[in-house]
Amino acid sequence: MSIASAHGDPLANAADLHRLPDGMHELTITLRQAEARKRVWAILKTLGGVSSPAGSCVWHVVGGAVTLKEWALHHGWNGRVLSQEAASGVLIGALGALQAQFGL
């Protein structure tokens, strides 16, 4: 399970819309995606939630494939710009917390 699964990664999980009958434009998430979302939410709660620096960093950088530099400049901590060094510290701290919590 990964953050990409929880996101419902549009490229990896995209259905071929040419095969869908008319009127079926909205697809429900799979059981695997639902379970991945639950696991990712539990991980984000461990990091203080998505609005915490660690949770935001992991969500965007690890899960959303945003570069650390982009996250530091555009997301940072509650919208405040962070230096790349501080952003690196946030990411390292978050990954350390996850390693300690889950023993990975």
PDB file of N, CA and C in Angstrom:
ATOM      1  N   MET A   1       0.849  -1.170   0.000  1.00  0.00           N
ATOM      2  CA  MET A   1       0.000   0.000   0.000  1.00  0.00           C
ATOM      3  C   MET A   1       0.893   1.230   0.000  1.00  0.00           C
ATOM      4  N   SER A   2       0.477   2.236  -0.704  1.00  0.00           N
ATOM      5  CA  SER A   2       1.301   3.432  -0.760  1.00  0.00           C
ATOM      6  C   SER A   2       0.422   4.662  -0.774  1.00  0.00           C
ATOM      7  N   ILE A   3       1.083   5.789  -0.609  1.00  0.00           N
ATOM      8  CA  ILE A   3       0.367   7.057  -0.698  1.00  0.00           C
ATOM      9  C   ILE A   3      -0.201   7.217  -2.105  1.00  0.00           C
ATOM     10  N   ALA A   4       0.526   6.737  -3.119  1.00  0.00           N
ATOM     11  CA  ALA A   4       0.023   6.830  -4.491  1.00  0.00           C
ATOM     12  C   ALA A   4      -1.274   6.043  -4.632  1.00  0.00           C
ATOM     13  N   SER A   5      -1.366   4.880  -3.975  1.00  0.00           N
ATOM     14  CA  SER A   5      -2.612   4.102  -4.021  1.00  0.00           C
ATOM     15  C   SER A   5      -3.743   4.859  -3.345  1.00  0.00           C
ATOM     16  N   ALA A   6      -3.417   5.505  -2.221  1.00  0.00           N
ATOM     17  CA  ALA A   6      -4.438   6.257  -1.492  1.00  0.00           C
ATOM     18  C   ALA A   6      -4.923   7.446  -2.296  1.00  0.00           C
ATOM     19  N   HIS A   7      -4.002   8.073  -2.998  1.00  0.00           N
ATOM     20  CA  HIS A   7      -4.379   9.192  -3.853  1.00  0.00           C
ATOM     21  C   HIS A   7      -5.277   8.717  -4.989  1.00  0.00           C
ATOM     22  N   GLY A   8      -5.188   7.439  -5.307  1.00  0.00           N
ATOM     23  CA  GLY A   8      -5.875   6.955  -6.492  1.00  0.00           C
ATOM     24  C   GLY A   8      -5.120   7.455  -7.697  1.00  0.00           C
ATOM     25  N   ASP A   9      -3.796   7.254  -7.677  1.00  0.00           N
ATOM     26  CA  ASP A   9      -2.894   7.761  -8.707  1.00  0.00           C
ATOM     27  C   ASP A   9      -3.557   7.701 -10.073  1.00  0.00           C
ATOM     28  N   PRO A  10      -3.845   8.852 -10.673  1.00  0.00           N
ATOM     29  CA  PRO A  10      -4.605   8.877 -11.907  1.00  0.00           C
ATOM     30  C   PRO A  10      -3.923   8.171 -13.072  1.00  0.00           C
ATOM     31  N   LEU A  11      -2.614   8.113 -13.087  1.00  0.00           N
ATOM     32  CA  LEU A  11      -1.943   7.461 -14.205  1.00  0.00           C
ATOM     33  C   LEU A  11      -1.907   5.949 -14.040  1.00  0.00           C
ATOM     34  N   ALA A  12      -1.651   5.501 -12.827  1.00  0.00           N
ATOM     35  CA  ALA A  12      -1.543   4.057 -12.614  1.00  0.00           C
ATOM     36  C   ALA A  12      -2.907   3.384 -12.553  1.00  0.00           C
ATOM     37  N   ASN A  13      -3.911   4.093 -12.075  1.00  0.00           N
ATOM     38  CA  ASN A  13      -5.216   3.470 -11.855  1.00  0.00           C
ATOM     39  C   ASN A  13      -6.293   3.962 -12.824  1.00  0.00           C
ATOM     40  N   ALA A  14      -5.884   4.682 -13.843  1.00  0.00           N
ATOM     41  CA  ALA A  14      -6.871   5.257 -14.751  1.00  0.00           C
ATOM     42  C   ALA A  14      -7.567   4.171 -15.553  1.00  0.00           C
ATOM     43  N   ALA A  15      -8.870   4.269 -15.593  1.00  0.00           N
ATOM     44  CA  ALA A  15      -9.653   3.337 -16.399  1.00  0.00           C
ATOM     45  C   ALA A  15      -9.669   3.822 -17.842  1.00  0.00           C
ATOM     46  N   ASP A  16      -9.757   2.882 -18.759  1.00  0.00           N
ATOM     47  CA  ASP A  16      -9.895   3.240 -20.161  1.00  0.00           C
ATOM     48  C   ASP A  16     -11.333   3.682 -20.375  1.00  0.00           C
ATOM     49  N   LEU A  17     -11.541   4.982 -20.514  1.00  0.00           N
ATOM     50  CA  LEU A  17     -12.894   5.527 -20.600  1.00  0.00           C
ATOM     51  C   LEU A  17     -13.618   5.115 -21.876  1.00  0.00           C
ATOM     52  N   HIS A  18     -12.888   4.607 -22.850  1.00  0.00           N
ATOM     53  CA  HIS A  18     -13.533   4.140 -24.072  1.00  0.00           C
ATOM     54  C   HIS A  18     -14.303   2.849 -23.825  1.00  0.00           C
ATOM     55  N   ARG A  19     -13.973   2.136 -22.755  1.00  0.00           N
ATOM     56  CA  ARG A  19     -14.640   0.869 -22.456  1.00  0.00           C
ATOM     57  C   ARG A  19     -15.869   1.040 -21.580  1.00  0.00           C
ATOM     58  N   LEU A  20     -16.095   2.238 -21.029  1.00  0.00           N
ATOM     59  CA  LEU A  20     -17.228   2.450 -20.131  1.00  0.00           C
ATOM     60  C   LEU A  20     -18.500   2.738 -20.920  1.00  0.00           C
ATOM     61  N   PRO A  21     -19.591   2.118 -20.505  1.00  0.00           N
ATOM     62  CA  PRO A  21     -20.857   2.445 -21.164  1.00  0.00           C
ATOM     63  C   PRO A  21     -21.274   3.879 -20.838  1.00  0.00           C
ATOM     64  N   ASP A  22     -22.080   4.469 -21.685  1.00  0.00           N
ATOM     65  CA  ASP A  22     -22.554   5.831 -21.444  1.00  0.00           C
ATOM     66  C   ASP A  22     -23.248   5.898 -20.088  1.00  0.00           C
ATOM     67  N   GLY A  23     -23.029   7.000 -19.392  1.00  0.00           N
ATOM     68  CA  GLY A  23     -23.660   7.208 -18.108  1.00  0.00           C
ATOM     69  C   GLY A  23     -22.831   6.733 -16.923  1.00  0.00           C
ATOM     70  N   MET A  24     -21.709   6.082 -17.153  1.00  0.00           N
ATOM     71  CA  MET A  24     -20.856   5.609 -16.063  1.00  0.00           C
ATOM     72  C   MET A  24     -19.576   6.440 -16.007  1.00  0.00           C
ATOM     73  N   HIS A  25     -19.732   7.711 -15.761  1.00  0.00           N
ATOM     74  CA  HIS A  25     -18.578   8.596 -15.759  1.00  0.00           C
ATOM     75  C   HIS A  25     -17.901   8.669 -14.400  1.00  0.00           C
ATOM     76  N   GLU A  26     -18.593   8.248 -13.340  1.00  0.00           N
ATOM     77  CA  GLU A  26     -18.028   8.327 -12.003  1.00  0.00           C
ATOM     78  C   GLU A  26     -17.739   6.918 -11.503  1.00  0.00           C
ATOM     79  N   LEU A  27     -16.461   6.657 -11.203  1.00  0.00           N
ATOM     80  CA  LEU A  27     -16.061   5.338 -10.727  1.00  0.00           C
ATOM     81  C   LEU A  27     -15.873   5.385  -9.216  1.00  0.00           C
ATOM     82  N   THR A  28     -16.264   4.332  -8.541  1.00  0.00           N
ATOM     83  CA  THR A  28     -16.043   4.253  -7.102  1.00  0.00           C
ATOM     84  C   THR A  28     -14.618   3.769  -6.858  1.00  0.00           C
ATOM     85  N   ILE A  29     -14.095   4.051  -5.645  1.00  0.00           N
ATOM     86  CA  ILE A  29     -12.754   3.589  -5.339  1.00  0.00           C
ATOM     87  C   ILE A  29     -12.784   2.104  -5.026  1.00  0.00           C
ATOM     88  N   THR A  30     -11.667   1.450  -5.238  1.00  0.00           N
ATOM     89  CA  THR A  30     -11.576   0.025  -4.965  1.00  0.00           C
ATOM     90  C   THR A  30     -11.359  -0.199  -3.474  1.00  0.00           C
ATOM     91  N   LEU A  31     -11.544  -1.421  -3.040  1.00  0.00           N
ATOM     92  CA  LEU A  31     -11.293  -1.774  -1.647  1.00  0.00           C
ATOM     93  C   LEU A  31      -9.824  -1.528  -1.301  1.00  0.00           C
ATOM     94  N   ARG A  32      -8.938  -1.828  -2.223  1.00  0.00           N
ATOM     95  CA  ARG A  32      -7.506  -1.598  -2.002  1.00  0.00           C
ATOM     96  C   ARG A  32      -7.222  -0.118  -1.783  1.00  0.00           C
ATOM     97  N   GLN A  33      -7.839   0.737  -2.591  1.00  0.00           N
ATOM     98  CA  GLN A  33      -7.651   2.178  -2.417  1.00  0.00           C
ATOM     99  C   GLN A  33      -8.205   2.648  -1.079  1.00  0.00           C
ATOM    100  N   ALA A  34      -9.346   2.115  -0.678  1.00  0.00           N
ATOM    101  CA  ALA A  34      -9.947   2.504   0.604  1.00  0.00           C
ATOM    102  C   ALA A  34      -9.045   2.097   1.767  1.00  0.00           C
ATOM    103  N   GLU A  35      -8.490   0.896   1.717  1.00  0.00           N
ATOM    104  CA  GLU A  35      -7.582   0.434   2.771  1.00  0.00           C
ATOM    105  C   GLU A  35      -6.296   1.257   2.776  1.00  0.00           C
ATOM    106  N   ALA A  36      -5.782   1.594   1.610  1.00  0.00           N
ATOM    107  CA  ALA A  36      -4.570   2.421   1.521  1.00  0.00           C
ATOM    108  C   ALA A  36      -4.838   3.800   2.125  1.00  0.00           C
ATOM    109  N   ARG A  37      -6.001   4.356   1.864  1.00  0.00           N
ATOM    110  CA  ARG A  37      -6.345   5.664   2.437  1.00  0.00           C
ATOM    111  C   ARG A  37      -6.389   5.608   3.952  1.00  0.00           C
ATOM    112  N   LYS A  38      -6.943   4.524   4.505  1.00  0.00           N
ATOM    113  CA  LYS A  38      -6.992   4.376   5.965  1.00  0.00           C
ATOM    114  C   LYS A  38      -5.585   4.305   6.546  1.00  0.00           C
ATOM    115  N   ARG A  39      -4.719   3.539   5.909  1.00  0.00           N
ATOM    116  CA  ARG A  39      -3.343   3.397   6.398  1.00  0.00           C
ATOM    117  C   ARG A  39      -2.591   4.713   6.288  1.00  0.00           C
ATOM    118  N   VAL A  40      -2.750   5.406   5.180  1.00  0.00           N
ATOM    119  CA  VAL A  40      -2.074   6.695   5.009  1.00  0.00           C
ATOM    120  C   VAL A  40      -2.593   7.692   6.037  1.00  0.00           C
ATOM    121  N   TRP A  41      -3.889   7.704   6.282  1.00  0.00           N
ATOM    122  CA  TRP A  41      -4.444   8.626   7.281  1.00  0.00           C
ATOM    123  C   TRP A  41      -3.868   8.332   8.658  1.00  0.00           C
ATOM    124  N   ALA A  42      -3.714   7.047   9.003  1.00  0.00           N
ATOM    125  CA  ALA A  42      -3.122   6.681  10.291  1.00  0.00           C
ATOM    126  C   ALA A  42      -1.672   7.165  10.376  1.00  0.00           C
ATOM    127  N   ILE A  43      -0.946   7.047   9.304  1.00  0.00           N
ATOM    128  CA  ILE A  43       0.440   7.526   9.267  1.00  0.00           C
ATOM    129  C   ILE A  43       0.478   9.035   9.429  1.00  0.00           C
ATOM    130  N   LEU A  44      -0.392   9.739   8.715  1.00  0.00           N
ATOM    131  CA  LEU A  44      -0.409  11.204   8.813  1.00  0.00           C
ATOM    132  C   LEU A  44      -0.796  11.649  10.219  1.00  0.00           C
ATOM    133  N   LYS A  45      -1.712  10.930  10.874  1.00  0.00           N
ATOM    134  CA  LYS A  45      -2.061  11.258  12.254  1.00  0.00           C
ATOM    135  C   LYS A  45      -0.863  11.069  13.176  1.00  0.00           C
ATOM    136  N   THR A  46      -0.056  10.042  12.913  1.00  0.00           N
ATOM    137  CA  THR A  46       1.163   9.810  13.690  1.00  0.00           C
ATOM    138  C   THR A  46       2.102  11.005  13.572  1.00  0.00           C
ATOM    139  N   LEU A  47       2.122  11.653  12.420  1.00  0.00           N
ATOM    140  CA  LEU A  47       3.005  12.793  12.173  1.00  0.00           C
ATOM    141  C   LEU A  47       2.395  14.118  12.608  1.00  0.00           C
ATOM    142  N   GLY A  48       1.205  14.094  13.152  1.00  0.00           N
ATOM    143  CA  GLY A  48       0.566  15.323  13.617  1.00  0.00           C
ATOM    144  C   GLY A  48      -0.521  15.839  12.705  1.00  0.00           C
ATOM    145  N   GLY A  49      -0.887  15.071  11.709  1.00  0.00           N
ATOM    146  CA  GLY A  49      -1.942  15.481  10.775  1.00  0.00           C
ATOM    147  C   GLY A  49      -1.374  16.156   9.546  1.00  0.00           C
ATOM    148  N   VAL A  50      -2.250  16.374   8.560  1.00  0.00           N
ATOM    149  CA  VAL A  50      -1.790  16.943   7.289  1.00  0.00           C
ATOM    150  C   VAL A  50      -1.422  18.418   7.391  1.00  0.00           C
ATOM    151  N   SER A  51      -1.873  19.093   8.446  1.00  0.00           N
ATOM    152  CA  SER A  51      -1.531  20.508   8.575  1.00  0.00           C
ATOM    153  C   SER A  51      -0.249  20.723   9.382  1.00  0.00           C
ATOM    154  N   SER A  52       0.311  19.639   9.945  1.00  0.00           N
ATOM    155  CA  SER A  52       1.586  19.753  10.651  1.00  0.00           C
ATOM    156  C   SER A  52       2.712  19.797   9.622  1.00  0.00           C
ATOM    157  N   PRO A  53       3.860  20.347   9.990  1.00  0.00           N
ATOM    158  CA  PRO A  53       4.970  20.385   9.022  1.00  0.00           C
ATOM    159  C   PRO A  53       5.362  18.987   8.534  1.00  0.00           C
ATOM    160  N   ALA A  54       5.482  18.032   9.454  1.00  0.00           N
ATOM    161  CA  ALA A  54       5.887  16.682   9.067  1.00  0.00           C
ATOM    162  C   ALA A  54       4.832  16.014   8.181  1.00  0.00           C
ATOM    163  N   GLY A  55       3.570  16.131   8.570  1.00  0.00           N
ATOM    164  CA  GLY A  55       2.498  15.524   7.781  1.00  0.00           C
ATOM    165  C   GLY A  55       2.380  16.143   6.404  1.00  0.00           C
ATOM    166  N   SER A  56       2.465  17.452   6.341  1.00  0.00           N
ATOM    167  CA  SER A  56       2.386  18.153   5.056  1.00  0.00           C
ATOM    168  C   SER A  56       3.549  17.767   4.155  1.00  0.00           C
ATOM    169  N   CYS A  57       4.747  17.709   4.729  1.00  0.00           N
ATOM    170  CA  CYS A  57       5.934  17.366   3.953  1.00  0.00           C
ATOM    171  C   CYS A  57       5.826  15.959   3.382  1.00  0.00           C
ATOM    172  N   VAL A  58       5.466  14.992   4.218  1.00  0.00           N
ATOM    173  CA  VAL A  58       5.346  13.619   3.744  1.00  0.00           C
ATOM    174  C   VAL A  58       4.235  13.506   2.702  1.00  0.00           C
ATOM    175  N   TRP A  59       3.115  14.160   2.940  1.00  0.00           N
ATOM    176  CA  TRP A  59       1.999  14.097   1.985  1.00  0.00           C
ATOM    177  C   TRP A  59       2.417  14.618   0.610  1.00  0.00           C
ATOM    178  N   HIS A  60       3.042  15.783   0.593  1.00  0.00           N
ATOM    179  CA  HIS A  60       3.390  16.403  -0.690  1.00  0.00           C
ATOM    180  C   HIS A  60       4.647  15.821  -1.330  1.00  0.00           C
ATOM    181  N   VAL A  61       5.691  15.624  -0.532  1.00  0.00           N
ATOM    182  CA  VAL A  61       6.981  15.200  -1.095  1.00  0.00           C
ATOM    183  C   VAL A  61       7.003  13.711  -1.388  1.00  0.00           C
ATOM    184  N   VAL A  62       6.631  12.899  -0.404  1.00  0.00           N
ATOM    185  CA  VAL A  62       6.668  11.451  -0.590  1.00  0.00           C
ATOM    186  C   VAL A  62       5.463  10.987  -1.410  1.00  0.00           C
ATOM    187  N   GLY A  63       4.286  11.486  -1.054  1.00  0.00           N
ATOM    188  CA  GLY A  63       3.071  11.016  -1.715  1.00  0.00           C
ATOM    189  C   GLY A  63       2.720  11.732  -2.994  1.00  0.00           C
ATOM    190  N   GLY A  64       2.992  13.024  -3.051  1.00  0.00           N
ATOM    191  CA  GLY A  64       2.581  13.798  -4.215  1.00  0.00           C
ATOM    192  C   GLY A  64       3.674  14.075  -5.210  1.00  0.00           C
ATOM    193  N   ALA A  65       4.863  13.546  -4.962  1.00  0.00           N
ATOM    194  CA  ALA A  65       6.005  13.710  -5.858  1.00  0.00           C
ATOM    195  C   ALA A  65       6.358  15.179  -6.108  1.00  0.00           C
ATOM    196  N   VAL A  66       6.096  16.017  -5.106  1.00  0.00           N
ATOM    197  CA  VAL A  66       6.525  17.413  -5.161  1.00  0.00           C
ATOM    198  C   VAL A  66       7.966  17.429  -4.669  1.00  0.00           C
ATOM    199  N   THR A  67       8.818  18.217  -5.291  1.00  0.00           N
ATOM    200  CA  THR A  67      10.200  18.264  -4.810  1.00  0.00           C
ATOM    201  C   THR A  67      10.234  18.934  -3.441  1.00  0.00           C
ATOM    202  N   LEU A  68      11.256  18.627  -2.685  1.00  0.00           N
ATOM    203  CA  LEU A  68      11.417  19.220  -1.363  1.00  0.00           C
ATOM    204  C   LEU A  68      11.536  20.739  -1.479  1.00  0.00           C
ATOM    205  N   LYS A  69      12.220  21.190  -2.504  1.00  0.00           N
ATOM    206  CA  LYS A  69      12.370  22.635  -2.728  1.00  0.00           C
ATOM    207  C   LYS A  69      11.013  23.286  -3.002  1.00  0.00           C
ATOM    208  N   GLU A  70      10.200  22.654  -3.851  1.00  0.00           N
ATOM    209  CA  GLU A  70       8.860  23.184  -4.136  1.00  0.00           C
ATOM    210  C   GLU A  70       8.008  23.234  -2.874  1.00  0.00           C
ATOM    211  N   TRP A  71       8.067  22.153  -2.090  1.00  0.00           N
ATOM    212  CA  TRP A  71       7.289  22.127  -0.855  1.00  0.00           C
ATOM    213  C   TRP A  71       7.723  23.250   0.072  1.00  0.00           C
ATOM    214  N   ALA A  72       9.022  23.432   0.219  1.00  0.00           N
ATOM    215  CA  ALA A  72       9.553  24.470   1.111  1.00  0.00           C
ATOM    216  C   ALA A  72       9.102  25.861   0.668  1.00  0.00           C
ATOM    217  N   LEU A  73       9.062  26.088  -0.634  1.00  0.00           N
ATOM    218  CA  LEU A  73       8.699  27.409  -1.158  1.00  0.00           C
ATOM    219  C   LEU A  73       7.204  27.651  -1.215  1.00  0.00           C
ATOM    220  N   HIS A  74       6.419  26.624  -1.532  1.00  0.00           N
ATOM    221  CA  HIS A  74       4.992  26.835  -1.791  1.00  0.00           C
ATOM    222  C   HIS A  74       4.063  26.347  -0.692  1.00  0.00           C
ATOM    223  N   HIS A  75       4.497  25.368   0.084  1.00  0.00           N
ATOM    224  CA  HIS A  75       3.648  24.829   1.135  1.00  0.00           C
ATOM    225  C   HIS A  75       4.215  25.162   2.500  1.00  0.00           C
ATOM    226  N   GLY A  76       5.436  24.709   2.725  1.00  0.00           N
ATOM    227  CA  GLY A  76       6.117  25.015   3.975  1.00  0.00           C
ATOM    228  C   GLY A  76       5.274  24.709   5.199  1.00  0.00           C
ATOM    229  N   TRP A  77       5.431  25.511   6.194  1.00  0.00           N
ATOM    230  CA  TRP A  77       4.695  25.330   7.435  1.00  0.00           C
ATOM    231  C   TRP A  77       3.584  26.343   7.479  1.00  0.00           C
ATOM    232  N   ASN A  78       2.356  25.890   7.278  1.00  0.00           N
ATOM    233  CA  ASN A  78       1.171  26.756   7.217  1.00  0.00           C
ATOM    234  C   ASN A  78       1.347  27.889   6.220  1.00  0.00           C
ATOM    235  N   GLY A  79       1.937  27.575   5.080  1.00  0.00           N
ATOM    236  CA  GLY A  79       2.103  28.561   4.019  1.00  0.00           C
ATOM    237  C   GLY A  79       3.328  29.433   4.148  1.00  0.00           C
ATOM    238  N   ARG A  80       4.088  29.274   5.232  1.00  0.00           N
ATOM    239  CA  ARG A  80       5.313  30.060   5.398  1.00  0.00           C
ATOM    240  C   ARG A  80       6.457  29.392   4.644  1.00  0.00           C
ATOM    241  N   VAL A  81       7.230  30.187   3.956  1.00  0.00           N
ATOM    242  CA  VAL A  81       8.372  29.673   3.207  1.00  0.00           C
ATOM    243  C   VAL A  81       9.425  29.164   4.180  1.00  0.00           C
ATOM    244  N   LEU A  82       9.988  27.998   3.869  1.00  0.00           N
ATOM    245  CA  LEU A  82      11.067  27.426   4.661  1.00  0.00           C
ATOM    246  C   LEU A  82      12.334  27.360   3.818  1.00  0.00           C
ATOM    247  N   SER A  83      13.481  27.410   4.469  1.00  0.00           N
ATOM    248  CA  SER A  83      14.733  27.185   3.755  1.00  0.00           C
ATOM    249  C   SER A  83      14.802  25.708   3.376  1.00  0.00           C
ATOM    250  N   GLN A  84      15.636  25.405   2.386  1.00  0.00           N
ATOM    251  CA  GLN A  84      15.775  24.008   1.993  1.00  0.00           C
ATOM    252  C   GLN A  84      16.371  23.179   3.123  1.00  0.00           C
ATOM    253  N   GLU A  85      17.232  23.782   3.909  1.00  0.00           N
ATOM    254  CA  GLU A  85      17.821  23.073   5.036  1.00  0.00           C
ATOM    255  C   GLU A  85      16.751  22.717   6.068  1.00  0.00           C
ATOM    256  N   ALA A  86      15.885  23.680   6.379  1.00  0.00           N
ATOM    257  CA  ALA A  86      14.808  23.422   7.334  1.00  0.00           C
ATOM    258  C   ALA A  86      13.847  22.369   6.781  1.00  0.00           C
ATOM    259  N   ALA A  87      13.542  22.450   5.493  1.00  0.00           N
ATOM    260  CA  ALA A  87      12.657  21.466   4.871  1.00  0.00           C
ATOM    261  C   ALA A  87      13.276  20.071   4.931  1.00  0.00           C
ATOM    262  N   SER A  88      14.579  19.990   4.704  1.00  0.00           N
ATOM    263  CA  SER A  88      15.268  18.699   4.801  1.00  0.00           C
ATOM    264  C   SER A  88      15.155  18.150   6.220  1.00  0.00           C
ATOM    265  N   GLY A  89      15.301  19.029   7.209  1.00  0.00           N
ATOM    266  CA  GLY A  89      15.169  18.614   8.602  1.00  0.00           C
ATOM    267  C   GLY A  89      13.778  18.101   8.916  1.00  0.00           C
ATOM    268  N   VAL A  90      12.764  18.774   8.369  1.00  0.00           N
ATOM    269  CA  VAL A  90      11.381  18.333   8.582  1.00  0.00           C
ATOM    270  C   VAL A  90      11.189  16.936   7.997  1.00  0.00           C
ATOM    271  N   LEU A  91      11.673  16.730   6.774  1.00  0.00           N
ATOM    272  CA  LEU A  91      11.512  15.426   6.122  1.00  0.00           C
ATOM    273  C   LEU A  91      12.274  14.337   6.877  1.00  0.00           C
ATOM    274  N   ILE A  92      13.501  14.617   7.266  1.00  0.00           N
ATOM    275  CA  ILE A  92      14.296  13.630   8.001  1.00  0.00           C
ATOM    276  C   ILE A  92      13.628  13.295   9.335  1.00  0.00           C
ATOM    277  N   GLY A  93      13.135  14.320  10.023  1.00  0.00           N
ATOM    278  CA  GLY A  93      12.438  14.080  11.294  1.00  0.00           C
ATOM    279  C   GLY A  93      11.180  13.247  11.110  1.00  0.00           C
ATOM    280  N   ALA A  94      10.425  13.554  10.061  1.00  0.00           N
ATOM    281  CA  ALA A  94       9.196  12.800   9.792  1.00  0.00           C
ATOM    282  C   ALA A  94       9.506  11.344   9.482  1.00  0.00           C
ATOM    283  N   LEU A  95      10.505  11.117   8.644  1.00  0.00           N
ATOM    284  CA  LEU A  95      10.865   9.742   8.306  1.00  0.00           C
ATOM    285  C   LEU A  95      11.413   8.995   9.517  1.00  0.00           C
ATOM    286  N   GLY A  96      12.154   9.708  10.368  1.00  0.00           N
ATOM    287  CA  GLY A  96      12.638   9.092  11.608  1.00  0.00           C
ATOM    288  C   GLY A  96      11.511   8.711  12.536  1.00  0.00           C
ATOM    289  N   ALA A  97      10.505   9.576  12.631  1.00  0.00           N
ATOM    290  CA  ALA A  97       9.346   9.279  13.468  1.00  0.00           C
ATOM    291  C   ALA A  97       8.588   8.068  12.940  1.00  0.00           C
ATOM    292  N   LEU A  98       8.456   7.985  11.625  1.00  0.00           N
ATOM    293  CA  LEU A  98       7.765   6.826  11.039  1.00  0.00           C
ATOM    294  C   LEU A  98       8.568   5.551  11.262  1.00  0.00           C
ATOM    295  N   GLN A  99       9.884   5.650  11.146  1.00  0.00           N
ATOM    296  CA  GLN A  99      10.741   4.471  11.360  1.00  0.00           C
ATOM    297  C   GLN A  99      10.603   3.996  12.801  1.00  0.00           C
ATOM    298  N   ALA A 100      10.590   4.920  13.737  1.00  0.00           N
ATOM    299  CA  ALA A 100      10.457   4.554  15.151  1.00  0.00           C
ATOM    300  C   ALA A 100       9.068   3.960  15.439  1.00  0.00           C
ATOM    301  N   GLN A 101       8.041   4.540  14.847  1.00  0.00           N
ATOM    302  CA  GLN A 101       6.663   4.097  15.087  1.00  0.00           C
ATOM    303  C   GLN A 101       6.386   2.726  14.484  1.00  0.00           C
ATOM    304  N   PHE A 102       6.846   2.524  13.268  1.00  0.00           N
ATOM    305  CA  PHE A 102       6.488   1.307  12.532  1.00  0.00           C
ATOM    306  C   PHE A 102       7.627   0.311  12.420  1.00  0.00           C
ATOM    307  N   GLY A 103       8.819   0.680  12.909  1.00  0.00           N
ATOM    308  CA  GLY A 103       9.941  -0.237  12.889  1.00  0.00           C
ATOM    309  C   GLY A 103      10.391  -0.609  11.505  1.00  0.00           C
ATOM    310  N   LEU A 104      10.312   0.302  10.587  1.00  0.00           N
ATOM    311  CA  LEU A 104      10.713   0.012   9.211  1.00  0.00           C
ATOM    312  C   LEU A 104      12.200   0.183   9.020  1.00  0.00           C
TER     313      LEU A 104
END
